[in-house]
Amino acid sequence: MYVDKRIVFGKENYSMRVNLAILDWNEHVDREFTSVRTEVDVARPRRHEGKKILVRKAYKFRDEVWKGFMEKAKNLDERRAPRVAEAGGVAEAGGVDEAGGVDEAGGVDEAGGVDEAGGVD
């Protein structure tokens, strides 16, 4: 399910997929069941084992993994933000300004058209 044997993954990707499989297993290992189904096998008439019909998987661990990922990304952005500000930011170098448009260096402005410097608005 998480690690297909027919596809070659890199070391980090493989490790991530194995860890996701472990989380999935740990969450669903003792799932409750709704009923027990018994099948009659003509070849084995004395065998009366039942098969459990399990409750649908919940995948609650996905929310925890996503929250952890987003916190890590936020911390990375907070650490990176002072370095960007010290370097002068994107807008001074001809990028998009805080109003959503392109600055005087030839980018897109807030109106969505081409400005005087030749950039697209």
PDB file of N, CA and C in Angstrom:
ATOM      1  N   MET A   1       0.821  -1.186   0.000  1.00  0.00           N
ATOM      2  CA  MET A   1       0.000   0.000   0.000  1.00  0.00           C
ATOM      3  C   MET A   1       0.869   1.255   0.000  1.00  0.00           C
ATOM      4  N   TYR A   2       1.821   1.333   0.900  1.00  0.00           N
ATOM      5  CA  TYR A   2       2.657   2.528   0.979  1.00  0.00           C
ATOM      6  C   TYR A   2       3.967   2.368   0.219  1.00  0.00           C
ATOM      7  N   VAL A   3       4.531   1.164   0.199  1.00  0.00           N
ATOM      8  CA  VAL A   3       5.815   0.936  -0.454  1.00  0.00           C
ATOM      9  C   VAL A   3       5.631  -0.152  -1.502  1.00  0.00           C
ATOM     10  N   ASP A   4       5.440   0.262  -2.746  1.00  0.00           N
ATOM     11  CA  ASP A   4       5.262  -0.678  -3.839  1.00  0.00           C
ATOM     12  C   ASP A   4       6.610  -1.292  -4.202  1.00  0.00           C
ATOM     13  N   LYS A   5       6.672  -2.591  -4.302  1.00  0.00           N
ATOM     14  CA  LYS A   5       7.932  -3.270  -4.593  1.00  0.00           C
ATOM     15  C   LYS A   5       8.362  -3.108  -6.047  1.00  0.00           C
ATOM     16  N   ARG A   6       7.440  -2.702  -6.907  1.00  0.00           N
ATOM     17  CA  ARG A   6       7.774  -2.540  -8.323  1.00  0.00           C
ATOM     18  C   ARG A   6       8.375  -1.188  -8.640  1.00  0.00           C
ATOM     19  N   ILE A   7       8.330  -0.256  -7.671  1.00  0.00           N
ATOM     20  CA  ILE A   7       8.828   1.100  -7.897  1.00  0.00           C
ATOM     21  C   ILE A   7      10.049   1.328  -7.016  1.00  0.00           C
ATOM     22  N   VAL A   8      11.083   1.931  -7.587  1.00  0.00           N
ATOM     23  CA  VAL A   8      12.294   2.235  -6.836  1.00  0.00           C
ATOM     24  C   VAL A   8      12.151   3.623  -6.228  1.00  0.00           C
ATOM     25  N   PHE A   9      12.308   3.703  -4.892  1.00  0.00           N
ATOM     26  CA  PHE A   9      12.223   4.967  -4.180  1.00  0.00           C
ATOM     27  C   PHE A   9      13.610   5.347  -3.667  1.00  0.00           C
ATOM     28  N   GLY A  10      13.829   6.647  -3.486  1.00  0.00           N
ATOM     29  CA  GLY A  10      15.053   7.115  -2.858  1.00  0.00           C
ATOM     30  C   GLY A  10      15.037   6.770  -1.381  1.00  0.00           C
ATOM     31  N   LYS A  11      16.164   6.927  -0.713  1.00  0.00           N
ATOM     32  CA  LYS A  11      16.288   6.540   0.686  1.00  0.00           C
ATOM     33  C   LYS A  11      15.316   7.304   1.586  1.00  0.00           C
ATOM     34  N   GLU A  12      15.213   8.631   1.414  1.00  0.00           N
ATOM     35  CA  GLU A  12      14.314   9.432   2.242  1.00  0.00           C
ATOM     36  C   GLU A  12      12.852   9.089   1.973  1.00  0.00           C
ATOM     37  N   ASN A  13      12.501   8.947   0.692  1.00  0.00           N
ATOM     38  CA  ASN A  13      11.129   8.629   0.323  1.00  0.00           C
ATOM     39  C   ASN A  13      10.741   7.237   0.833  1.00  0.00           C
ATOM     40  N   TYR A  14      11.636   6.293   0.714  1.00  0.00           N
ATOM     41  CA  TYR A  14      11.376   4.934   1.196  1.00  0.00           C
ATOM     42  C   TYR A  14      11.165   4.942   2.710  1.00  0.00           C
ATOM     43  N   SER A  15      12.023   5.660   3.421  1.00  0.00           N
ATOM     44  CA  SER A  15      11.906   5.747   4.873  1.00  0.00           C
ATOM     45  C   SER A  15      10.579   6.375   5.274  1.00  0.00           C
ATOM     46  N   MET A  16      10.170   7.441   4.578  1.00  0.00           N
ATOM     47  CA  MET A  16       8.897   8.087   4.873  1.00  0.00           C
ATOM     48  C   MET A  16       7.729   7.130   4.657  1.00  0.00           C
ATOM     49  N   ARG A  17       7.759   6.394   3.569  1.00  0.00           N
ATOM     50  CA  ARG A  17       6.671   5.474   3.267  1.00  0.00           C
ATOM     51  C   ARG A  17       6.602   4.314   4.260  1.00  0.00           C
ATOM     52  N   VAL A  18       7.747   3.822   4.672  1.00  0.00           N
ATOM     53  CA  VAL A  18       7.761   2.748   5.678  1.00  0.00           C
ATOM     54  C   VAL A  18       7.195   3.265   6.995  1.00  0.00           C
ATOM     55  N   ASN A  19       7.572   4.486   7.385  1.00  0.00           N
ATOM     56  CA  ASN A  19       7.052   5.053   8.628  1.00  0.00           C
ATOM     57  C   ASN A  19       5.546   5.290   8.560  1.00  0.00           C
ATOM     58  N   LEU A  20       5.041   5.695   7.397  1.00  0.00           N
ATOM     59  CA  LEU A  20       3.590   5.836   7.238  1.00  0.00           C
ATOM     60  C   LEU A  20       2.889   4.481   7.361  1.00  0.00           C
ATOM     61  N   ALA A  21       3.491   3.452   6.811  1.00  0.00           N
ATOM     62  CA  ALA A  21       2.918   2.108   6.930  1.00  0.00           C
ATOM     63  C   ALA A  21       2.889   1.668   8.385  1.00  0.00           C
ATOM     64  N   ILE A  22       3.921   2.018   9.149  1.00  0.00           N
ATOM     65  CA  ILE A  22       3.956   1.673  10.574  1.00  0.00           C
ATOM     66  C   ILE A  22       2.848   2.402  11.321  1.00  0.00           C
ATOM     67  N   LEU A  23       2.671   3.696  11.038  1.00  0.00           N
ATOM     68  CA  LEU A  23       1.595   4.451  11.682  1.00  0.00           C
ATOM     69  C   LEU A  23       0.234   3.850  11.346  1.00  0.00           C
ATOM     70  N   ASP A  24       0.037   3.473  10.091  1.00  0.00           N
ATOM     71  CA  ASP A  24      -1.221   2.862   9.663  1.00  0.00           C
ATOM     72  C   ASP A  24      -1.458   1.549  10.408  1.00  0.00           C
ATOM     73  N   TRP A  25      -0.441   0.721  10.486  1.00  0.00           N
ATOM     74  CA  TRP A  25      -0.572  -0.559  11.178  1.00  0.00           C
ATOM     75  C   TRP A  25      -0.908  -0.338  12.650  1.00  0.00           C
ATOM     76  N   ASN A  26      -0.185   0.565  13.306  1.00  0.00           N
ATOM     77  CA  ASN A  26      -0.412   0.799  14.735  1.00  0.00           C
ATOM     78  C   ASN A  26      -1.818   1.305  15.017  1.00  0.00           C
ATOM     79  N   GLU A  27      -2.365   2.107  14.117  1.00  0.00           N
ATOM     80  CA  GLU A  27      -3.709   2.634  14.347  1.00  0.00           C
ATOM     81  C   GLU A  27      -4.786   1.583  14.107  1.00  0.00           C
ATOM     82  N   HIS A  28      -4.559   0.675  13.175  1.00  0.00           N
ATOM     83  CA  HIS A  28      -5.628  -0.242  12.775  1.00  0.00           C
ATOM     84  C   HIS A  28      -5.406  -1.688  13.195  1.00  0.00           C
ATOM     85  N   VAL A  29      -4.416  -1.965  14.023  1.00  0.00           N
ATOM     86  CA  VAL A  29      -4.072  -3.349  14.350  1.00  0.00           C
ATOM     87  C   VAL A  29      -5.189  -4.050  15.128  1.00  0.00           C
ATOM     88  N   ASP A  30      -5.846  -3.377  16.016  1.00  0.00           N
ATOM     89  CA  ASP A  30      -6.911  -3.998  16.810  1.00  0.00           C
ATOM     90  C   ASP A  30      -8.273  -3.385  16.490  1.00  0.00           C
ATOM     91  N   ARG A  31      -8.563  -3.263  15.211  1.00  0.00           N
ATOM     92  CA  ARG A  31      -9.849  -2.691  14.809  1.00  0.00           C
ATOM     93  C   ARG A  31     -10.992  -3.567  15.263  1.00  0.00           C
ATOM     94  N   GLU A  32     -12.077  -2.918  15.626  1.00  0.00           N
ATOM     95  CA  GLU A  32     -13.279  -3.664  15.989  1.00  0.00           C
ATOM     96  C   GLU A  32     -13.918  -4.221  14.719  1.00  0.00           C
ATOM     97  N   PHE A  33     -14.791  -5.195  14.923  1.00  0.00           N
ATOM     98  CA  PHE A  33     -15.483  -5.769  13.775  1.00  0.00           C
ATOM     99  C   PHE A  33     -16.984  -5.651  13.976  1.00  0.00           C
ATOM    100  N   THR A  34     -17.706  -5.588  12.864  1.00  0.00           N
ATOM    101  CA  THR A  34     -19.153  -5.417  12.927  1.00  0.00           C
ATOM    102  C   THR A  34     -19.875  -6.744  13.015  1.00  0.00           C
ATOM    103  N   SER A  35     -19.334  -7.771  12.376  1.00  0.00           N
ATOM    104  CA  SER A  35     -19.982  -9.084  12.391  1.00  0.00           C
ATOM    105  C   SER A  35     -18.964 -10.147  11.985  1.00  0.00           C
ATOM    106  N   VAL A  36     -19.415 -11.396  12.040  1.00  0.00           N
ATOM    107  CA  VAL A  36     -18.567 -12.513  11.642  1.00  0.00           C
ATOM    108  C   VAL A  36     -19.301 -13.278  10.547  1.00  0.00           C
ATOM    109  N   ARG A  37     -18.584 -13.521   9.457  1.00  0.00           N
ATOM    110  CA  ARG A  37     -19.172 -14.238   8.321  1.00  0.00           C
ATOM    111  C   ARG A  37     -18.589 -15.647   8.280  1.00  0.00           C
ATOM    112  N   THR A  38     -19.434 -16.622   8.126  1.00  0.00           N
ATOM    113  CA  THR A  38     -18.963 -18.008   7.996  1.00  0.00           C
ATOM    114  C   THR A  38     -19.286 -18.500   6.599  1.00  0.00           C
ATOM    115  N   GLU A  39     -18.330 -19.174   6.014  1.00  0.00           N
ATOM    116  CA  GLU A  39     -18.513 -19.729   4.681  1.00  0.00           C
ATOM    117  C   GLU A  39     -18.451 -21.242   4.768  1.00  0.00           C
ATOM    118  N   VAL A  40     -19.269 -21.887   4.006  1.00  0.00           N
ATOM    119  CA  VAL A  40     -19.274 -23.348   3.969  1.00  0.00           C
ATOM    120  C   VAL A  40     -18.420 -23.774   2.785  1.00  0.00           C
ATOM    121  N   ASP A  41     -17.419 -24.587   3.078  1.00  0.00           N
ATOM    122  CA  ASP A  41     -16.519 -25.090   2.054  1.00  0.00           C
ATOM    123  C   ASP A  41     -16.809 -26.573   1.864  1.00  0.00           C
ATOM    124  N   VAL A  42     -17.187 -26.966   0.669  1.00  0.00           N
ATOM    125  CA  VAL A  42     -17.544 -28.352   0.393  1.00  0.00           C
ATOM    126  C   VAL A  42     -16.346 -29.271   0.599  1.00  0.00           C
ATOM    127  N   ALA A  43     -15.155 -28.813   0.281  1.00  0.00           N
ATOM    128  CA  ALA A  43     -13.962 -29.638   0.433  1.00  0.00           C
ATOM    129  C   ALA A  43     -13.611 -29.853   1.910  1.00  0.00           C
ATOM    130  N   ARG A  44     -13.995 -28.921   2.775  1.00  0.00           N
ATOM    131  CA  ARG A  44     -13.704 -29.024   4.215  1.00  0.00           C
ATOM    132  C   ARG A  44     -14.987 -28.792   5.001  1.00  0.00           C
ATOM    133  N   PRO A  45     -15.871 -29.767   5.096  1.00  0.00           N
ATOM    134  CA  PRO A  45     -17.175 -29.566   5.732  1.00  0.00           C
ATOM    135  C   PRO A  45     -17.093 -29.341   7.245  1.00  0.00           C
ATOM    136  N   ARG A  46     -16.027 -29.763   7.895  1.00  0.00           N
ATOM    137  CA  ARG A  46     -15.930 -29.596   9.356  1.00  0.00           C
ATOM    138  C   ARG A  46     -15.312 -28.253   9.754  1.00  0.00           C
ATOM    139  N   ARG A  47     -14.863 -27.555   8.800  1.00  0.00           N
ATOM    140  CA  ARG A  47     -14.239 -26.258   9.086  1.00  0.00           C
ATOM    141  C   ARG A  47     -15.315 -25.184   9.176  1.00  0.00           C
ATOM    142  N   HIS A  48     -15.406 -24.567  10.338  1.00  0.00           N
ATOM    143  CA  HIS A  48     -16.440 -23.541  10.554  1.00  0.00           C
ATOM    144  C   HIS A  48     -15.826 -22.259  11.110  1.00  0.00           C
ATOM    145  N   GLU A  49     -14.677 -21.874  10.594  1.00  0.00           N
ATOM    146  CA  GLU A  49     -14.072 -20.627  11.041  1.00  0.00           C
ATOM    147  C   GLU A  49     -14.846 -19.449  10.452  1.00  0.00           C
ATOM    148  N   GLY A  50     -14.962 -18.416  11.253  1.00  0.00           N
ATOM    149  CA  GLY A  50     -15.621 -17.210  10.770  1.00  0.00           C
ATOM    150  C   GLY A  50     -14.603 -16.171  10.354  1.00  0.00           C
ATOM    151  N   LYS A  51     -15.008 -15.335   9.448  1.00  0.00           N
ATOM    152  CA  LYS A  51     -14.157 -14.226   9.014  1.00  0.00           C
ATOM    153  C   LYS A  51     -14.780 -12.941   9.535  1.00  0.00           C
ATOM    154  N   LYS A  52     -13.958 -12.136  10.216  1.00  0.00           N
ATOM    155  CA  LYS A  52     -14.456 -10.896  10.798  1.00  0.00           C
ATOM    156  C   LYS A  52     -14.644  -9.833   9.720  1.00  0.00           C
ATOM    157  N   ILE A  53     -15.756  -9.147   9.783  1.00  0.00           N
ATOM    158  CA  ILE A  53     -16.016  -7.993   8.934  1.00  0.00           C
ATOM    159  C   ILE A  53     -15.615  -6.772   9.755  1.00  0.00           C
ATOM    160  N   LEU A  54     -14.495  -6.153   9.370  1.00  0.00           N
ATOM    161  CA  LEU A  54     -13.908  -5.078  10.162  1.00  0.00           C
ATOM    162  C   LEU A  54     -14.574  -3.733   9.906  1.00  0.00           C
ATOM    163  N   VAL A  55     -14.467  -2.858  10.916  1.00  0.00           N
ATOM    164  CA  VAL A  55     -14.943  -1.479  10.797  1.00  0.00           C
ATOM    165  C   VAL A  55     -14.024  -0.749   9.826  1.00  0.00           C
ATOM    166  N   ARG A  56     -14.561   0.191   9.093  1.00  0.00           N
ATOM    167  CA  ARG A  56     -13.790   0.953   8.108  1.00  0.00           C
ATOM    168  C   ARG A  56     -12.624   1.688   8.781  1.00  0.00           C
ATOM    169  N   LYS A  57     -11.487   1.770   8.093  1.00  0.00           N
ATOM    170  CA  LYS A  57     -10.308   2.456   8.631  1.00  0.00           C
ATOM    171  C   LYS A  57     -10.598   3.950   8.805  1.00  0.00           C
ATOM    172  N   ALA A  58     -10.022   4.523   9.870  1.00  0.00           N
ATOM    173  CA  ALA A  58     -10.292   5.925  10.196  1.00  0.00           C
ATOM    174  C   ALA A  58      -9.205   6.871   9.704  1.00  0.00           C
ATOM    175  N   TYR A  59      -7.946   6.459   9.682  1.00  0.00           N
ATOM    176  CA  TYR A  59      -6.804   7.285   9.251  1.00  0.00           C
ATOM    177  C   TYR A  59      -6.687   8.570  10.070  1.00  0.00           C
ATOM    178  N   LYS A  60      -6.835   8.476  11.393  1.00  0.00           N
ATOM    179  CA  LYS A  60      -6.703   9.647  12.256  1.00  0.00           C
ATOM    180  C   LYS A  60      -5.272  10.152  12.301  1.00  0.00           C
ATOM    181  N   PHE A  61      -4.307   9.280  12.062  1.00  0.00           N
ATOM    182  CA  PHE A  61      -2.913   9.681  12.140  1.00  0.00           C
ATOM    183  C   PHE A  61      -2.531  10.697  11.072  1.00  0.00           C
ATOM    184  N   ARG A  62      -3.291  10.765   9.990  1.00  0.00           N
ATOM    185  CA  ARG A  62      -2.972  11.716   8.919  1.00  0.00           C
ATOM    186  C   ARG A  62      -3.034  13.161   9.403  1.00  0.00           C
ATOM    187  N   ASP A  63      -4.027  13.477  10.245  1.00  0.00           N
ATOM    188  CA  ASP A  63      -4.140  14.837  10.770  1.00  0.00           C
ATOM    189  C   ASP A  63      -2.927  15.199  11.625  1.00  0.00           C
ATOM    190  N   GLU A  64      -2.476  14.264  12.459  1.00  0.00           N
ATOM    191  CA  GLU A  64      -1.310  14.519  13.299  1.00  0.00           C
ATOM    192  C   GLU A  64      -0.051  14.692  12.457  1.00  0.00           C
ATOM    193  N   VAL A  65       0.102  13.877  11.436  1.00  0.00           N
ATOM    194  CA  VAL A  65       1.270  13.992  10.551  1.00  0.00           C
ATOM    195  C   VAL A  65       1.235  15.327   9.824  1.00  0.00           C
ATOM    196  N   TRP A  66       0.057  15.736   9.334  1.00  0.00           N
ATOM    197  CA  TRP A  66      -0.055  16.992   8.602  1.00  0.00           C
ATOM    198  C   TRP A  66       0.242  18.177   9.512  1.00  0.00           C
ATOM    199  N   LYS A  67      -0.286  18.160  10.756  1.00  0.00           N
ATOM    200  CA  LYS A  67      -0.013  19.252  11.691  1.00  0.00           C
ATOM    201  C   LYS A  67       1.482  19.348  11.982  1.00  0.00           C
ATOM    202  N   GLY A  68       2.140  18.229  12.187  1.00  0.00           N
ATOM    203  CA  GLY A  68       3.577  18.222  12.428  1.00  0.00           C
ATOM    204  C   GLY A  68       4.349  18.772  11.246  1.00  0.00           C
ATOM    205  N   PHE A  69       3.934  18.400  10.049  1.00  0.00           N
ATOM    206  CA  PHE A  69       4.588  18.895   8.834  1.00  0.00           C
ATOM    207  C   PHE A  69       4.429  20.402   8.704  1.00  0.00           C
ATOM    208  N   MET A  70       3.217  20.897   8.936  1.00  0.00           N
ATOM    209  CA  MET A  70       2.964  22.329   8.801  1.00  0.00           C
ATOM    210  C   MET A  70       3.713  23.130   9.862  1.00  0.00           C
ATOM    211  N   GLU A  71       3.824  22.605  11.079  1.00  0.00           N
ATOM    212  CA  GLU A  71       4.599  23.291  12.111  1.00  0.00           C
ATOM    213  C   GLU A  71       6.070  23.365  11.725  1.00  0.00           C
ATOM    214  N   LYS A  72       6.580  22.272  11.188  1.00  0.00           N
ATOM    215  CA  LYS A  72       7.980  22.252  10.766  1.00  0.00           C
ATOM    216  C   LYS A  72       8.209  23.243   9.623  1.00  0.00           C
ATOM    217  N   ALA A  73       7.281  23.317   8.681  1.00  0.00           N
ATOM    218  CA  ALA A  73       7.392  24.263   7.567  1.00  0.00           C
ATOM    219  C   ALA A  73       7.308  25.698   8.073  1.00  0.00           C
ATOM    220  N   LYS A  74       6.437  25.938   9.039  1.00  0.00           N
ATOM    221  CA  LYS A  74       6.299  27.285   9.607  1.00  0.00           C
ATOM    222  C   LYS A  74       7.589  27.693  10.312  1.00  0.00           C
ATOM    223  N   ASN A  75       8.169  26.785  11.085  1.00  0.00           N
ATOM    224  CA  ASN A  75       9.421  27.086  11.771  1.00  0.00           C
ATOM    225  C   ASN A  75      10.542  27.345  10.773  1.00  0.00           C
ATOM    226  N   LEU A  76      10.548  26.603   9.685  1.00  0.00           N
ATOM    227  CA  LEU A  76      11.555  26.812   8.656  1.00  0.00           C
ATOM    228  C   LEU A  76      11.393  28.190   8.017  1.00  0.00           C
ATOM    229  N   ASP A  77      10.142  28.596   7.743  1.00  0.00           N
ATOM    230  CA  ASP A  77       9.882  29.920   7.170  1.00  0.00           C
ATOM    231  C   ASP A  77      10.288  31.023   8.130  1.00  0.00           C
ATOM    232  N   GLU A  78      10.023  30.832   9.439  1.00  0.00           N
ATOM    233  CA  GLU A  78      10.388  31.848  10.432  1.00  0.00           C
ATOM    234  C   GLU A  78      11.901  31.994  10.527  1.00  0.00           C
ATOM    235  N   ARG A  79      12.624  30.899  10.394  1.00  0.00           N
ATOM    236  CA  ARG A  79      14.080  30.973  10.423  1.00  0.00           C
ATOM    237  C   ARG A  79      14.628  31.600   9.155  1.00  0.00           C
ATOM    238  N   ARG A  80      13.939  31.407   8.043  1.00  0.00           N
ATOM    239  CA  ARG A  80      14.399  31.912   6.759  1.00  0.00           C
ATOM    240  C   ARG A  80      14.027  33.384   6.559  1.00  0.00           C
ATOM    241  N   ALA A  81      12.953  33.866   7.185  1.00  0.00           N
ATOM    242  CA  ALA A  81      12.457  35.226   6.983  1.00  0.00           C
ATOM    243  C   ALA A  81      13.487  36.300   7.320  1.00  0.00           C
ATOM    244  N   PRO A  82      14.223  36.241   8.430  1.00  0.00           N
ATOM    245  CA  PRO A  82      15.210  37.290   8.702  1.00  0.00           C
ATOM    246  C   PRO A  82      16.302  37.372   7.638  1.00  0.00           C
ATOM    247  N   ARG A  83      16.697  36.257   7.068  1.00  0.00           N
ATOM    248  CA  ARG A  83      17.729  36.274   6.027  1.00  0.00           C
ATOM    249  C   ARG A  83      17.216  36.940   4.757  1.00  0.00           C
ATOM    250  N   VAL A  84      15.943  36.750   4.420  1.00  0.00           N
ATOM    251  CA  VAL A  84      15.366  37.374   3.232  1.00  0.00           C
ATOM    252  C   VAL A  84      15.259  38.873   3.435  1.00  0.00           C
ATOM    253  N   ALA A  85      14.858  39.297   4.652  1.00  0.00           N
ATOM    254  CA  ALA A  85      14.735  40.725   4.936  1.00  0.00           C
ATOM    255  C   ALA A  85      16.100  41.400   4.887  1.00  0.00           C
ATOM    256  N   GLU A  86      17.131  40.739   5.383  1.00  0.00           N
ATOM    257  CA  GLU A  86      18.475  41.301   5.357  1.00  0.00           C
ATOM    258  C   GLU A  86      18.992  41.430   3.922  1.00  0.00           C
ATOM    259  N   ALA A  87      18.586  40.531   3.052  1.00  0.00           N
ATOM    260  CA  ALA A  87      19.046  40.552   1.666  1.00  0.00           C
ATOM    261  C   ALA A  87      18.304  41.581   0.830  1.00  0.00           C
ATOM    262  N   GLY A  88      17.290  42.238   1.378  1.00  0.00           N
ATOM    263  CA  GLY A  88      16.588  43.279   0.637  1.00  0.00           C
ATOM    264  C   GLY A  88      15.228  42.845   0.140  1.00  0.00           C
ATOM    265  N   GLY A  89      14.856  41.592   0.307  1.00  0.00           N
ATOM    266  CA  GLY A  89      13.545  41.137  -0.096  1.00  0.00           C
ATOM    267  C   GLY A  89      13.402  40.973  -1.588  1.00  0.00           C
ATOM    268  N   VAL A  90      12.258  40.489  -2.013  1.00  0.00           N
ATOM    269  CA  VAL A  90      12.000  40.216  -3.414  1.00  0.00           C
ATOM    270  C   VAL A  90      11.573  41.474  -4.154  1.00  0.00           C
ATOM    271  N   ALA A  91      10.781  42.348  -3.516  1.00  0.00           N
ATOM    272  CA  ALA A  91      10.206  43.503  -4.213  1.00  0.00           C
ATOM    273  C   ALA A  91      11.275  44.464  -4.708  1.00  0.00           C
ATOM    274  N   GLU A  92      12.351  44.654  -3.957  1.00  0.00           N
ATOM    275  CA  GLU A  92      13.393  45.582  -4.382  1.00  0.00           C
ATOM    276  C   GLU A  92      14.168  45.057  -5.582  1.00  0.00           C
ATOM    277  N   ALA A  93      14.136  43.768  -5.768  1.00  0.00           N
ATOM    278  CA  ALA A  93      14.899  43.179  -6.866  1.00  0.00           C
ATOM    279  C   ALA A  93      14.054  42.998  -8.116  1.00  0.00           C
ATOM    280  N   GLY A  94      12.882  43.619  -8.171  1.00  0.00           N
ATOM    281  CA  GLY A  94      12.064  43.530  -9.367  1.00  0.00           C
ATOM    282  C   GLY A  94      11.006  42.448  -9.289  1.00  0.00           C
ATOM    283  N   GLY A  95      10.598  42.087  -8.102  1.00  0.00           N
ATOM    284  CA  GLY A  95       9.607  41.042  -7.932  1.00  0.00           C
ATOM    285  C   GLY A  95       8.238  41.610  -7.649  1.00  0.00           C
ATOM    286  N   VAL A  96       7.412  40.825  -7.044  1.00  0.00           N
ATOM    287  CA  VAL A  96       6.044  41.228  -6.726  1.00  0.00           C
ATOM    288  C   VAL A  96       6.067  42.012  -5.428  1.00  0.00           C
ATOM    289  N   ASP A  97       5.377  43.189  -5.400  1.00  0.00           N
ATOM    290  CA  ASP A  97       5.359  43.987  -4.184  1.00  0.00           C
ATOM    291  C   ASP A  97       4.238  43.538  -3.258  1.00  0.00           C
ATOM    292  N   GLU A  98       4.155  44.172  -2.072  1.00  0.00           N
ATOM    293  CA  GLU A  98       3.183  43.737  -1.064  1.00  0.00           C
ATOM    294  C   GLU A  98       1.745  43.983  -1.469  1.00  0.00           C
ATOM    295  N   ALA A  99       1.474  44.864  -2.430  1.00  0.00           N
ATOM    296  CA  ALA A  99       0.117  45.116  -2.901  1.00  0.00           C
ATOM    297  C   ALA A  99      -0.337  44.060  -3.896  1.00  0.00           C
ATOM    298  N   GLY A 100       0.549  43.147  -4.249  1.00  0.00           N
ATOM    299  CA  GLY A 100       0.178  42.093  -5.170  1.00  0.00           C
ATOM    300  C   GLY A 100       0.591  42.379  -6.595  1.00  0.00           C
ATOM    301  N   GLY A 101       1.149  43.549  -6.834  1.00  0.00           N
ATOM    302  CA  GLY A 101       1.552  43.909  -8.178  1.00  0.00           C
ATOM    303  C   GLY A 101       3.057  43.886  -8.317  1.00  0.00           C
ATOM    304  N   VAL A 102       3.522  44.185  -9.502  1.00  0.00           N
ATOM    305  CA  VAL A 102       4.955  44.199  -9.750  1.00  0.00           C
ATOM    306  C   VAL A 102       5.467  45.613  -9.521  1.00  0.00           C
ATOM    307  N   ASP A 103       6.648  45.721  -8.975  1.00  0.00           N
ATOM    308  CA  ASP A 103       7.217  47.025  -8.653  1.00  0.00           C
ATOM    309  C   ASP A 103       7.763  47.735  -9.889  1.00  0.00           C
ATOM    310  N   GLU A 104       8.438  48.866  -9.650  1.00  0.00           N
ATOM    311  CA  GLU A 104       8.931  49.712 -10.749  1.00  0.00           C
ATOM    312  C   GLU A 104       9.960  49.030 -11.627  1.00  0.00           C
ATOM    313  N   ALA A 105      10.511  47.945 -11.187  1.00  0.00           N
ATOM    314  CA  ALA A 105      11.567  47.288 -11.949  1.00  0.00           C
ATOM    315  C   ALA A 105      11.029  46.503 -13.142  1.00  0.00           C
ATOM    316  N   GLY A 106       9.727  46.531 -13.367  1.00  0.00           N
ATOM    317  CA  GLY A 106       9.212  45.901 -14.578  1.00  0.00           C
ATOM    318  C   GLY A 106       8.420  44.647 -14.335  1.00  0.00           C
ATOM    319  N   GLY A 107       7.620  44.627 -13.300  1.00  0.00           N
ATOM    320  CA  GLY A 107       6.831  43.445 -13.023  1.00  0.00           C
ATOM    321  C   GLY A 107       5.354  43.720 -13.175  1.00  0.00           C
ATOM    322  N   VAL A 108       4.557  42.910 -12.556  1.00  0.00           N
ATOM    323  CA  VAL A 108       3.107  43.013 -12.648  1.00  0.00           C
ATOM    324  C   VAL A 108       2.589  43.898 -11.529  1.00  0.00           C
ATOM    325  N   ASP A 109       1.676  44.840 -11.841  1.00  0.00           N
ATOM    326  CA  ASP A 109       1.107  45.675 -10.790  1.00  0.00           C
ATOM    327  C   ASP A 109      -0.268  45.154 -10.398  1.00  0.00           C
ATOM    328  N   GLU A 110      -0.906  45.838  -9.412  1.00  0.00           N
ATOM    329  CA  GLU A 110      -2.175  45.353  -8.877  1.00  0.00           C
ATOM    330  C   GLU A 110      -3.334  45.420  -9.869  1.00  0.00           C
ATOM    331  N   ALA A 111      -3.234  46.228 -10.912  1.00  0.00           N
ATOM    332  CA  ALA A 111      -4.324  46.355 -11.874  1.00  0.00           C
ATOM    333  C   ALA A 111      -4.377  45.186 -12.846  1.00  0.00           C
ATOM    334  N   GLY A 112      -3.294  44.427 -12.935  1.00  0.00           N
ATOM    335  CA  GLY A 112      -3.300  43.257 -13.796  1.00  0.00           C
ATOM    336  C   GLY A 112      -2.848  43.521 -15.209  1.00  0.00           C
ATOM    337  N   GLY A 113      -2.391  44.702 -15.512  1.00  0.00           N
ATOM    338  CA  GLY A 113      -1.963  45.029 -16.860  1.00  0.00           C
ATOM    339  C   GLY A 113      -0.468  45.273 -16.938  1.00  0.00           C
ATOM    340  N   VAL A 114      -0.034  45.884 -18.023  1.00  0.00           N
ATOM    341  CA  VAL A 114       1.385  46.180 -18.210  1.00  0.00           C
ATOM    342  C   VAL A 114       1.667  47.568 -17.653  1.00  0.00           C
ATOM    343  N   ASP A 115       2.722  47.675 -16.831  1.00  0.00           N
ATOM    344  CA  ASP A 115       3.061  48.979 -16.272  1.00  0.00           C
ATOM    345  C   ASP A 115       4.024  49.747 -17.184  1.00  0.00           C
ATOM    346  N   GLU A 116       4.453  50.936 -16.740  1.00  0.00           N
ATOM    347  CA  GLU A 116       5.306  51.792 -17.557  1.00  0.00           C
ATOM    348  C   GLU A 116       6.658  51.179 -17.849  1.00  0.00           C
ATOM    349  N   ALA A 117       7.117  50.314 -16.965  1.00  0.00           N
ATOM    350  CA  ALA A 117       8.440  49.730 -17.144  1.00  0.00           C
ATOM    351  C   ALA A 117       8.430  48.541 -18.113  1.00  0.00           C
ATOM    352  N   GLY A 118       7.250  48.170 -18.604  1.00  0.00           N
ATOM    353  CA  GLY A 118       7.174  47.097 -19.582  1.00  0.00           C
ATOM    354  C   GLY A 118       6.778  45.760 -19.017  1.00  0.00           C
ATOM    355  N   GLY A 119       6.425  45.712 -17.735  1.00  0.00           N
ATOM    356  CA  GLY A 119       6.030  44.454 -17.126  1.00  0.00           C
ATOM    357  C   GLY A 119       4.535  44.211 -17.281  1.00  0.00           C
ATOM    358  N   VAL A 120       4.112  43.045 -16.981  1.00  0.00           N
ATOM    359  CA  VAL A 120       2.700  42.690 -17.081  1.00  0.00           C
ATOM    360  C   VAL A 120       2.010  43.038 -15.781  1.00  0.00           C
ATOM    361  N   ASP A 121       0.809  43.691 -15.861  1.00  0.00           N
ATOM    362  CA  ASP A 121       0.077  44.044 -14.634  1.00  0.00           C
ATOM    363  C   ASP A 121      -0.577  42.829 -14.033  1.00  0.00           C
TER     364      ASP A 121
END
